[in-house]
Amino acid sequence: MDTEQTRYTVRDGVAMVTLHRPDKLNAFTTTMKGELIGIFDEADRDDAVRVVIVTGAGRAFCAGADLSNKGFQWDFKGRDGSRSDIHTHRDGGGQVALAIHRCRKPVIAAINGPAIGVGITMTLPMDIRIAAGDAKIAFAFTRRGVVPEACSSWFLPRIVGISKATELVYTGRTFLAADEAASGLFNHIVPMGEVVAKAEEIAREIAVSTSSVSVSLSKALLWHGLEAPDPYAVHRIDSKCFYWAAGQRDAGEGVRSFLDKRSPHFEMKVSEEMPDFYPWW
């Protein structure tokens, strides 16, 4: 893909997405938004991609929206150049968050440095977050006179609980990732130089050892199970998915490889071989 503010590579089943404005601490722009949406749509279509890692170039992950213009004002334009309507406007961070959420591949955030505002909210729909212990994090919206975006009022409480979410959002304070190691916001806290390596370790384990269709179905079950009214509803769709998966050739390979004491070789493709009842929500 031709990109200006991001980089996208695929190797051995792992897609690496790099936010690439290192001179601006990878601050978020409309251009970056469009590129990220395109990248996640492409990763979703590409069967060569098993896992996606997102990180930042240089010493930051993403310093938030680019506010570098001293006269900056939020200026929401419609396609015709006029100010967009309040009822139809959709924030750019949310468009990225939804592109990540609908991607059927696991997404790992490798937060190698500061992640502020949209720099942290864009990671919430990602499945796994790995952060440098000294990375500065802030849900800084209330300190800028605005409110959380990127669907974060849905994602954040589900990750850390409502009480912790209110504290992080209401104060808008900056904290070190290590200070919230127990909050559930991050899966792993590691030294700065080990963030991408840890992400790659987890990505390789998924890419080498698991069925891509099984992982995609599991991702859907976990995320959409958050909205199920009770465990009985989840039991119905779990049962349907398990019944279907058990009759597919990847399940046969999984059992044979276990009995043969060898690594599995799964062949089913997410692009072509998801069940006919998917999506069910």
C-alpha atoms as a PDB file:
ATOM      1  CA  MET A   1       0.000   0.000   0.000  1.00  0.00           C
ATOM      2  CA  ASP A   2       1.155   3.540  -0.762  1.00  0.00           C
ATOM      3  CA  THR A   3       1.140   5.450   2.522  1.00  0.00           C
ATOM      4  CA  GLU A   4       2.566   8.724   3.836  1.00  0.00           C
ATOM      5  CA  GLN A   5       2.153   8.548   7.613  1.00  0.00           C
ATOM      6  CA  THR A   6       2.091   4.809   8.273  1.00  0.00           C
ATOM      7  CA  ARG A   7       4.132   1.798   7.238  1.00  0.00           C
ATOM      8  CA  TYR A   8       2.669  -1.652   6.564  1.00  0.00           C
ATOM      9  CA  THR A   9       4.584  -4.900   6.059  1.00  0.00           C
ATOM     10  CA  VAL A  10       3.647  -8.586   6.226  1.00  0.00           C
ATOM     11  CA  ARG A  11       6.094 -11.368   7.035  1.00  0.00           C
ATOM     12  CA  ASP A  12       5.519 -14.940   8.192  1.00  0.00           C
ATOM     13  CA  GLY A  13       1.866 -14.336   8.952  1.00  0.00           C
ATOM     14  CA  VAL A  14       2.452 -11.177  11.018  1.00  0.00           C
ATOM     15  CA  ALA A  15       1.469  -7.726   9.734  1.00  0.00           C
ATOM     16  CA  MET A  16       3.412  -4.832  11.229  1.00  0.00           C
ATOM     17  CA  VAL A  17       1.682  -1.433  11.228  1.00  0.00           C
ATOM     18  CA  THR A  18       3.914   1.488  12.199  1.00  0.00           C
ATOM     19  CA  LEU A  19       2.581   4.974  12.861  1.00  0.00           C
ATOM     20  CA  HIS A  20       5.207   7.007  11.045  1.00  0.00           C
ATOM     21  CA  ARG A  21       5.451  10.690  11.924  1.00  0.00           C
ATOM     22  CA  PRO A  22       8.419  10.394  14.304  1.00  0.00           C
ATOM     23  CA  ASP A  23       9.202  14.124  14.130  1.00  0.00           C
ATOM     24  CA  LYS A  24       5.660  14.812  15.424  1.00  0.00           C
ATOM     25  CA  LEU A  25       5.601  11.923  17.924  1.00  0.00           C
ATOM     26  CA  ASN A  26       3.258  10.163  15.473  1.00  0.00           C
ATOM     27  CA  ALA A  27       0.464  12.650  16.169  1.00  0.00           C
ATOM     28  CA  PHE A  28      -2.847  11.602  14.633  1.00  0.00           C
ATOM     29  CA  THR A  29      -4.092  13.310  11.453  1.00  0.00           C
ATOM     30  CA  THR A  30      -6.863  12.867   8.900  1.00  0.00           C
ATOM     31  CA  THR A  31      -4.304  11.301   6.561  1.00  0.00           C
ATOM     32  CA  MET A  32      -3.241   8.783   9.206  1.00  0.00           C
ATOM     33  CA  LYS A  33      -6.893   7.983   9.897  1.00  0.00           C
ATOM     34  CA  GLY A  34      -7.553   7.110   6.253  1.00  0.00           C
ATOM     35  CA  GLU A  35      -4.417   5.021   5.980  1.00  0.00           C
ATOM     36  CA  LEU A  36      -5.184   3.031   9.131  1.00  0.00           C
ATOM     37  CA  ILE A  37      -8.725   2.255   7.996  1.00  0.00           C
ATOM     38  CA  GLY A  38      -7.380   1.038   4.655  1.00  0.00           C
ATOM     39  CA  ILE A  39      -4.675  -1.033   6.328  1.00  0.00           C
ATOM     40  CA  PHE A  40      -7.077  -2.847   8.656  1.00  0.00           C
ATOM     41  CA  ASP A  41      -9.518  -3.528   5.841  1.00  0.00           C
ATOM     42  CA  GLU A  42      -6.628  -4.983   3.815  1.00  0.00           C
ATOM     43  CA  ALA A  43      -5.354  -7.082   6.740  1.00  0.00           C
ATOM     44  CA  ASP A  44      -8.858  -8.466   7.224  1.00  0.00           C
ATOM     45  CA  ARG A  45      -9.053  -9.583   3.572  1.00  0.00           C
ATOM     46  CA  ASP A  46      -5.539 -11.040   3.352  1.00  0.00           C
ATOM     47  CA  ASP A  47      -5.283 -14.703   4.379  1.00  0.00           C
ATOM     48  CA  ALA A  48      -1.499 -14.291   4.608  1.00  0.00           C
ATOM     49  CA  VAL A  49      -2.096 -12.078   7.659  1.00  0.00           C
ATOM     50  CA  ARG A  50      -2.692 -14.068  10.841  1.00  0.00           C
ATOM     51  CA  VAL A  51      -1.952 -11.350  13.426  1.00  0.00           C
ATOM     52  CA  VAL A  52      -1.520  -7.563  13.290  1.00  0.00           C
ATOM     53  CA  ILE A  53       0.929  -5.588  15.456  1.00  0.00           C
ATOM     54  CA  VAL A  54       0.642  -1.796  15.768  1.00  0.00           C
ATOM     55  CA  THR A  55       3.533   0.322  17.035  1.00  0.00           C
ATOM     56  CA  GLY A  56       5.032   3.792  16.625  1.00  0.00           C
ATOM     57  CA  ALA A  57       8.172   5.031  14.890  1.00  0.00           C
ATOM     58  CA  GLY A  58      10.801   6.665  17.050  1.00  0.00           C
ATOM     59  CA  ARG A  59      10.296   7.330  20.746  1.00  0.00           C
ATOM     60  CA  ALA A  60       6.480   7.613  20.824  1.00  0.00           C
ATOM     61  CA  PHE A  61       3.484   5.464  20.064  1.00  0.00           C
ATOM     62  CA  CYS A  62       1.090   8.345  19.320  1.00  0.00           C
ATOM     63  CA  ALA A  63       0.987  11.745  21.043  1.00  0.00           C
ATOM     64  CA  GLY A  64      -2.712  12.207  20.258  1.00  0.00           C
ATOM     65  CA  ALA A  65      -4.385  14.471  17.714  1.00  0.00           C
ATOM     66  CA  ASP A  66      -2.015  16.867  15.981  1.00  0.00           C
ATOM     67  CA  LEU A  67      -2.642  20.180  17.779  1.00  0.00           C
ATOM     68  CA  SER A  68       0.612  21.787  16.621  1.00  0.00           C
ATOM     69  CA  ASN A  69      -1.098  24.807  15.024  1.00  0.00           C
ATOM     70  CA  LYS A  70      -1.269  27.501  17.733  1.00  0.00           C
ATOM     71  CA  GLY A  71      -4.597  28.682  16.382  1.00  0.00           C
ATOM     72  CA  PHE A  72      -5.988  25.159  16.312  1.00  0.00           C
ATOM     73  CA  GLN A  73      -9.726  24.725  16.471  1.00  0.00           C
ATOM     74  CA  TRP A  74     -11.736  21.568  15.904  1.00  0.00           C
ATOM     75  CA  ASP A  75     -13.046  22.060  12.381  1.00  0.00           C
ATOM     76  CA  PHE A  76     -15.250  19.250  11.142  1.00  0.00           C
ATOM     77  CA  LYS A  77     -15.715  19.349   7.391  1.00  0.00           C
ATOM     78  CA  GLY A  78     -18.198  17.421   5.305  1.00  0.00           C
ATOM     79  CA  ARG A  79     -17.359  16.025   1.874  1.00  0.00           C
ATOM     80  CA  ASP A  80     -18.416  19.280   0.222  1.00  0.00           C
ATOM     81  CA  GLY A  81     -16.085  21.320   2.446  1.00  0.00           C
ATOM     82  CA  SER A  82     -18.834  22.757   4.620  1.00  0.00           C
ATOM     83  CA  ARG A  83     -19.011  22.114   8.337  1.00  0.00           C
ATOM     84  CA  SER A  84     -20.431  18.641   8.926  1.00  0.00           C
ATOM     85  CA  ASP A  85     -23.790  18.231  10.619  1.00  0.00           C
ATOM     86  CA  ILE A  86     -23.801  17.347  14.326  1.00  0.00           C
ATOM     87  CA  HIS A  87     -26.222  14.476  13.682  1.00  0.00           C
ATOM     88  CA  THR A  88     -24.185  12.851  10.911  1.00  0.00           C
ATOM     89  CA  HIS A  89     -20.619  13.597  12.072  1.00  0.00           C
ATOM     90  CA  ARG A  90     -18.541  10.548  13.052  1.00  0.00           C
ATOM     91  CA  ASP A  91     -15.208  11.151  14.780  1.00  0.00           C
ATOM     92  CA  GLY A  92     -12.081   9.969  13.012  1.00  0.00           C
ATOM     93  CA  GLY A  93     -10.709   8.049  15.985  1.00  0.00           C
ATOM     94  CA  GLY A  94     -13.961   6.126  16.169  1.00  0.00           C
ATOM     95  CA  GLN A  95     -13.763   5.254  12.483  1.00  0.00           C
ATOM     96  CA  VAL A  96     -10.318   3.756  13.114  1.00  0.00           C
ATOM     97  CA  ALA A  97     -11.522   1.968  16.261  1.00  0.00           C
ATOM     98  CA  LEU A  98     -14.394   0.367  14.365  1.00  0.00           C
ATOM     99  CA  ALA A  99     -12.076  -0.715  11.526  1.00  0.00           C
ATOM    100  CA  ILE A 100      -9.888  -2.442  14.140  1.00  0.00           C
ATOM    101  CA  HIS A 101     -12.921  -3.956  15.866  1.00  0.00           C
ATOM    102  CA  ARG A 102     -14.327  -5.457  12.661  1.00  0.00           C
ATOM    103  CA  CYS A 103     -10.939  -6.873  11.614  1.00  0.00           C
ATOM    104  CA  ARG A 104     -11.209 -10.637  12.079  1.00  0.00           C
ATOM    105  CA  LYS A 105      -7.505 -11.005  12.866  1.00  0.00           C
ATOM    106  CA  PRO A 106      -6.055 -10.549  16.387  1.00  0.00           C
ATOM    107  CA  VAL A 107      -4.506  -7.104  16.887  1.00  0.00           C
ATOM    108  CA  ILE A 108      -1.664  -6.423  19.316  1.00  0.00           C
ATOM    109  CA  ALA A 109      -0.711  -2.899  20.424  1.00  0.00           C
ATOM    110  CA  ALA A 110       3.024  -2.494  21.012  1.00  0.00           C
ATOM    111  CA  ILE A 111       2.976   0.795  22.941  1.00  0.00           C
ATOM    112  CA  ASN A 112       6.636   1.760  22.742  1.00  0.00           C
ATOM    113  CA  GLY A 113       6.288   5.283  24.140  1.00  0.00           C
ATOM    114  CA  PRO A 114       3.800   8.067  24.933  1.00  0.00           C
ATOM    115  CA  ALA A 115       0.164   7.289  24.044  1.00  0.00           C
ATOM    116  CA  ILE A 116      -2.082  10.286  24.665  1.00  0.00           C
ATOM    117  CA  GLY A 117      -5.733  10.879  23.755  1.00  0.00           C
ATOM    118  CA  VAL A 118      -6.505   9.030  20.540  1.00  0.00           C
ATOM    119  CA  GLY A 119      -3.043   7.491  20.923  1.00  0.00           C
ATOM    120  CA  ILE A 120      -4.407   5.334  23.752  1.00  0.00           C
ATOM    121  CA  THR A 121      -8.090   5.131  22.784  1.00  0.00           C
ATOM    122  CA  MET A 122      -7.218   3.632  19.383  1.00  0.00           C
ATOM    123  CA  THR A 123      -5.605   0.711  21.234  1.00  0.00           C
ATOM    124  CA  LEU A 124      -8.738  -0.189  23.222  1.00  0.00           C
ATOM    125  CA  PRO A 125     -10.383  -2.250  20.452  1.00  0.00           C
ATOM    126  CA  MET A 126      -7.083  -4.071  19.980  1.00  0.00           C
ATOM    127  CA  ASP A 127      -7.045  -7.494  21.610  1.00  0.00           C
ATOM    128  CA  ILE A 128      -3.743  -7.308  23.488  1.00  0.00           C
ATOM    129  CA  ARG A 129      -1.796  -4.285  24.747  1.00  0.00           C
ATOM    130  CA  ILE A 130       1.908  -4.417  25.579  1.00  0.00           C
ATOM    131  CA  ALA A 131       3.450  -1.228  26.946  1.00  0.00           C
ATOM    132  CA  ALA A 132       6.827   0.121  27.937  1.00  0.00           C
ATOM    133  CA  GLY A 133       6.765   0.667  31.681  1.00  0.00           C
ATOM    134  CA  ASP A 134       7.837   4.297  31.379  1.00  0.00           C
ATOM    135  CA  ALA A 135       5.445   5.131  28.520  1.00  0.00           C
ATOM    136  CA  LYS A 136       3.319   8.166  29.402  1.00  0.00           C
ATOM    137  CA  ILE A 137      -0.400   7.511  29.005  1.00  0.00           C
ATOM    138  CA  ALA A 138      -3.311   9.952  29.277  1.00  0.00           C
ATOM    139  CA  PHE A 139      -7.011  10.031  28.503  1.00  0.00           C
ATOM    140  CA  ALA A 140      -6.553  13.803  28.364  1.00  0.00           C
ATOM    141  CA  PHE A 141      -9.880  14.863  26.862  1.00  0.00           C
ATOM    142  CA  THR A 142     -11.330  16.716  29.850  1.00  0.00           C
ATOM    143  CA  ARG A 143      -8.113  18.750  30.030  1.00  0.00           C
ATOM    144  CA  ARG A 144      -8.696  19.874  26.439  1.00  0.00           C
ATOM    145  CA  GLY A 145     -12.369  20.745  26.924  1.00  0.00           C
ATOM    146  CA  VAL A 146     -13.653  17.791  24.929  1.00  0.00           C
ATOM    147  CA  VAL A 147     -14.831  14.238  25.715  1.00  0.00           C
ATOM    148  CA  PRO A 148     -13.558  10.699  25.095  1.00  0.00           C
ATOM    149  CA  GLU A 149     -13.873   9.540  21.476  1.00  0.00           C
ATOM    150  CA  ALA A 150     -12.972   6.487  19.378  1.00  0.00           C
ATOM    151  CA  CYS A 151     -15.808   4.492  20.990  1.00  0.00           C
ATOM    152  CA  SER A 152     -13.719   4.522  24.184  1.00  0.00           C
ATOM    153  CA  SER A 153     -16.719   5.064  26.440  1.00  0.00           C
ATOM    154  CA  TRP A 154     -17.770   1.565  25.339  1.00  0.00           C
ATOM    155  CA  PHE A 155     -14.361  -0.138  25.315  1.00  0.00           C
ATOM    156  CA  LEU A 156     -12.619   1.351  28.368  1.00  0.00           C
ATOM    157  CA  PRO A 157     -15.133   0.324  31.089  1.00  0.00           C
ATOM    158  CA  ARG A 158     -15.232  -3.187  29.671  1.00  0.00           C
ATOM    159  CA  ILE A 159     -11.450  -3.441  29.949  1.00  0.00           C
ATOM    160  CA  VAL A 160     -10.770  -1.803  33.322  1.00  0.00           C
ATOM    161  CA  GLY A 161     -14.218  -1.569  34.942  1.00  0.00           C
ATOM    162  CA  ILE A 162     -16.379   1.504  35.340  1.00  0.00           C
ATOM    163  CA  SER A 163     -14.711   2.852  38.514  1.00  0.00           C
ATOM    164  CA  LYS A 164     -11.205   2.829  37.061  1.00  0.00           C
ATOM    165  CA  ALA A 165     -12.497   4.219  33.755  1.00  0.00           C
ATOM    166  CA  THR A 166     -14.127   7.177  35.506  1.00  0.00           C
ATOM    167  CA  GLU A 167     -10.921   7.963  37.386  1.00  0.00           C
ATOM    168  CA  LEU A 168      -8.769   7.888  34.249  1.00  0.00           C
ATOM    169  CA  VAL A 169     -11.221   9.932  32.174  1.00  0.00           C
ATOM    170  CA  TYR A 170     -12.464  12.484  34.721  1.00  0.00           C
ATOM    171  CA  THR A 171      -8.973  13.456  35.888  1.00  0.00           C
ATOM    172  CA  GLY A 172      -7.409  13.329  32.423  1.00  0.00           C
ATOM    173  CA  ARG A 173      -4.121  12.885  34.234  1.00  0.00           C
ATOM    174  CA  THR A 174      -0.908  11.575  32.712  1.00  0.00           C
ATOM    175  CA  PHE A 175       0.426   8.370  34.236  1.00  0.00           C
ATOM    176  CA  LEU A 176       3.141   5.842  33.501  1.00  0.00           C
ATOM    177  CA  ALA A 177       2.005   2.518  32.080  1.00  0.00           C
ATOM    178  CA  ALA A 178       3.751   0.762  34.973  1.00  0.00           C
ATOM    179  CA  ASP A 179       1.517   2.649  37.423  1.00  0.00           C
ATOM    180  CA  GLU A 180      -1.546   0.885  35.996  1.00  0.00           C
ATOM    181  CA  ALA A 181       0.002  -2.564  35.637  1.00  0.00           C
ATOM    182  CA  ALA A 182      -2.772  -4.090  37.761  1.00  0.00           C
ATOM    183  CA  SER A 183      -5.702  -2.265  36.127  1.00  0.00           C
ATOM    184  CA  GLY A 184      -6.184  -4.642  33.205  1.00  0.00           C
ATOM    185  CA  LEU A 185      -5.403  -1.907  30.687  1.00  0.00           C
ATOM    186  CA  PHE A 186      -2.177  -3.660  29.674  1.00  0.00           C
ATOM    187  CA  ASN A 187      -1.461  -7.367  29.238  1.00  0.00           C
ATOM    188  CA  HIS A 188       2.280  -6.936  29.718  1.00  0.00           C
ATOM    189  CA  ILE A 189       4.569  -4.164  30.966  1.00  0.00           C
ATOM    190  CA  VAL A 190       8.133  -4.514  29.671  1.00  0.00           C
ATOM    191  CA  PRO A 191      11.197  -2.295  29.183  1.00  0.00           C
ATOM    192  CA  MET A 192      10.927   0.057  26.214  1.00  0.00           C
ATOM    193  CA  GLY A 193      13.383  -1.876  24.073  1.00  0.00           C
ATOM    194  CA  GLU A 194      11.437  -5.122  24.492  1.00  0.00           C
ATOM    195  CA  VAL A 195       7.932  -3.978  23.556  1.00  0.00           C
ATOM    196  CA  VAL A 196       7.935  -4.991  19.886  1.00  0.00           C
ATOM    197  CA  ALA A 197       9.848  -8.197  20.617  1.00  0.00           C
ATOM    198  CA  LYS A 198       7.208  -9.231  23.157  1.00  0.00           C
ATOM    199  CA  ALA A 199       4.441  -8.440  20.681  1.00  0.00           C
ATOM    200  CA  GLU A 200       6.203 -10.488  18.005  1.00  0.00           C
ATOM    201  CA  GLU A 201       6.625 -13.406  20.412  1.00  0.00           C
ATOM    202  CA  ILE A 202       2.877 -13.544  21.065  1.00  0.00           C
ATOM    203  CA  ALA A 203       2.049 -12.960  17.393  1.00  0.00           C
ATOM    204  CA  ARG A 204       4.304 -15.825  16.283  1.00  0.00           C
ATOM    205  CA  GLU A 205       2.715 -18.176  18.812  1.00  0.00           C
ATOM    206  CA  ILE A 206      -0.710 -17.393  17.343  1.00  0.00           C
ATOM    207  CA  ALA A 207       0.459 -17.516  13.717  1.00  0.00           C
ATOM    208  CA  VAL A 208       2.313 -20.822  14.039  1.00  0.00           C
ATOM    209  CA  SER A 209       0.218 -22.827  16.473  1.00  0.00           C
ATOM    210  CA  THR A 210      -3.443 -21.992  15.870  1.00  0.00           C
ATOM    211  CA  SER A 211      -6.198 -22.260  13.267  1.00  0.00           C
ATOM    212  CA  SER A 212      -6.954 -18.865  11.702  1.00  0.00           C
ATOM    213  CA  VAL A 213     -10.662 -19.674  11.493  1.00  0.00           C
ATOM    214  CA  SER A 214     -10.731 -20.840  15.123  1.00  0.00           C
ATOM    215  CA  VAL A 215      -9.039 -17.629  16.267  1.00  0.00           C
ATOM    216  CA  SER A 216     -11.384 -15.411  14.260  1.00  0.00           C
ATOM    217  CA  LEU A 217     -14.454 -17.186  15.609  1.00  0.00           C
ATOM    218  CA  SER A 218     -13.030 -17.019  19.138  1.00  0.00           C
ATOM    219  CA  LYS A 219     -12.424 -13.279  18.758  1.00  0.00           C
ATOM    220  CA  ALA A 220     -16.048 -12.782  17.717  1.00  0.00           C
ATOM    221  CA  LEU A 221     -17.343 -14.919  20.584  1.00  0.00           C
ATOM    222  CA  LEU A 222     -15.326 -13.029  23.188  1.00  0.00           C
ATOM    223  CA  TRP A 223     -16.115  -9.490  22.017  1.00  0.00           C
ATOM    224  CA  HIS A 224     -19.778 -10.067  21.256  1.00  0.00           C
ATOM    225  CA  GLY A 225     -20.242 -12.132  24.377  1.00  0.00           C
ATOM    226  CA  LEU A 226     -19.710  -8.906  26.313  1.00  0.00           C
ATOM    227  CA  GLU A 227     -23.166  -7.799  25.206  1.00  0.00           C
ATOM    228  CA  ALA A 228     -24.990 -11.092  25.716  1.00  0.00           C
ATOM    229  CA  PRO A 229     -27.866 -10.762  28.190  1.00  0.00           C
ATOM    230  CA  ASP A 230     -26.987 -13.935  30.106  1.00  0.00           C
ATOM    231  CA  PRO A 231     -24.787 -17.071  29.917  1.00  0.00           C
ATOM    232  CA  TYR A 232     -27.644 -19.032  28.330  1.00  0.00           C
ATOM    233  CA  ALA A 233     -27.467 -16.841  25.214  1.00  0.00           C
ATOM    234  CA  VAL A 234     -23.708 -17.339  25.083  1.00  0.00           C
ATOM    235  CA  HIS A 235     -24.158 -21.094  25.530  1.00  0.00           C
ATOM    236  CA  ARG A 236     -26.372 -21.213  22.438  1.00  0.00           C
ATOM    237  CA  ILE A 237     -23.853 -19.513  20.151  1.00  0.00           C
ATOM    238  CA  ASP A 238     -20.848 -21.282  21.744  1.00  0.00           C
ATOM    239  CA  SER A 239     -22.563 -24.590  21.067  1.00  0.00           C
ATOM    240  CA  LYS A 240     -23.352 -23.670  17.463  1.00  0.00           C
ATOM    241  CA  CYS A 241     -19.785 -22.544  16.764  1.00  0.00           C
ATOM    242  CA  PHE A 242     -18.248 -25.593  18.467  1.00  0.00           C
ATOM    243  CA  TYR A 243     -20.563 -28.002  16.603  1.00  0.00           C
ATOM    244  CA  TRP A 244     -19.638 -26.382  13.284  1.00  0.00           C
ATOM    245  CA  ALA A 245     -15.890 -26.173  13.990  1.00  0.00           C
ATOM    246  CA  ALA A 246     -15.680 -29.794  15.167  1.00  0.00           C
ATOM    247  CA  GLY A 247     -16.845 -30.935  11.737  1.00  0.00           C
ATOM    248  CA  GLN A 248     -14.206 -28.977   9.795  1.00  0.00           C
ATOM    249  CA  ARG A 249     -10.857 -30.188   8.543  1.00  0.00           C
ATOM    250  CA  ASP A 250      -8.874 -27.902  10.874  1.00  0.00           C
ATOM    251  CA  ALA A 251     -10.373 -29.765  13.843  1.00  0.00           C
ATOM    252  CA  GLY A 252      -9.297 -33.068  12.323  1.00  0.00           C
ATOM    253  CA  GLU A 253      -5.781 -31.730  11.831  1.00  0.00           C
ATOM    254  CA  GLY A 254      -5.704 -30.366  15.368  1.00  0.00           C
ATOM    255  CA  VAL A 255      -6.526 -33.766  16.872  1.00  0.00           C
ATOM    256  CA  ARG A 256      -4.182 -35.694  14.558  1.00  0.00           C
ATOM    257  CA  SER A 257      -1.250 -33.383  15.249  1.00  0.00           C
ATOM    258  CA  PHE A 258      -1.835 -33.762  18.994  1.00  0.00           C
ATOM    259  CA  LEU A 259      -1.877 -37.545  18.776  1.00  0.00           C
ATOM    260  CA  ASP A 260       1.152 -37.562  16.441  1.00  0.00           C
ATOM    261  CA  LYS A 261       3.023 -35.183  18.789  1.00  0.00           C
ATOM    262  CA  ARG A 262       3.823 -32.758  15.956  1.00  0.00           C
ATOM    263  CA  SER A 263       3.043 -29.158  15.079  1.00  0.00           C
ATOM    264  CA  PRO A 264      -0.318 -28.670  13.350  1.00  0.00           C
ATOM    265  CA  HIS A 265      -0.684 -27.533   9.764  1.00  0.00           C
ATOM    266  CA  PHE A 266      -3.984 -25.693   9.521  1.00  0.00           C
ATOM    267  CA  GLU A 267      -5.246 -24.797   6.043  1.00  0.00           C
ATOM    268  CA  MET A 268      -8.692 -23.209   6.393  1.00  0.00           C
ATOM    269  CA  LYS A 269      -9.029 -19.586   5.248  1.00  0.00           C
ATOM    270  CA  VAL A 270     -10.905 -16.808   7.010  1.00  0.00           C
ATOM    271  CA  SER A 271     -11.712 -15.149   3.681  1.00  0.00           C
ATOM    272  CA  GLU A 272     -13.559 -18.199   2.335  1.00  0.00           C
ATOM    273  CA  GLU A 273     -14.423 -20.690   5.072  1.00  0.00           C
ATOM    274  CA  MET A 274     -16.217 -18.998   7.935  1.00  0.00           C
ATOM    275  CA  PRO A 275     -19.556 -20.628   8.855  1.00  0.00           C
ATOM    276  CA  ASP A 276     -22.670 -19.575   6.950  1.00  0.00           C
ATOM    277  CA  PHE A 277     -24.225 -18.227  10.178  1.00  0.00           C
ATOM    278  CA  TYR A 278     -21.304 -15.798  10.683  1.00  0.00           C
ATOM    279  CA  PRO A 279     -21.814 -13.001  11.612  1.00  0.00           C
ATOM    280  CA  TRP A 280     -24.616 -13.900  14.020  1.00  0.00           C
ATOM    281  CA  TRP A 281     -25.002 -10.574  15.844  1.00  0.00           C
END
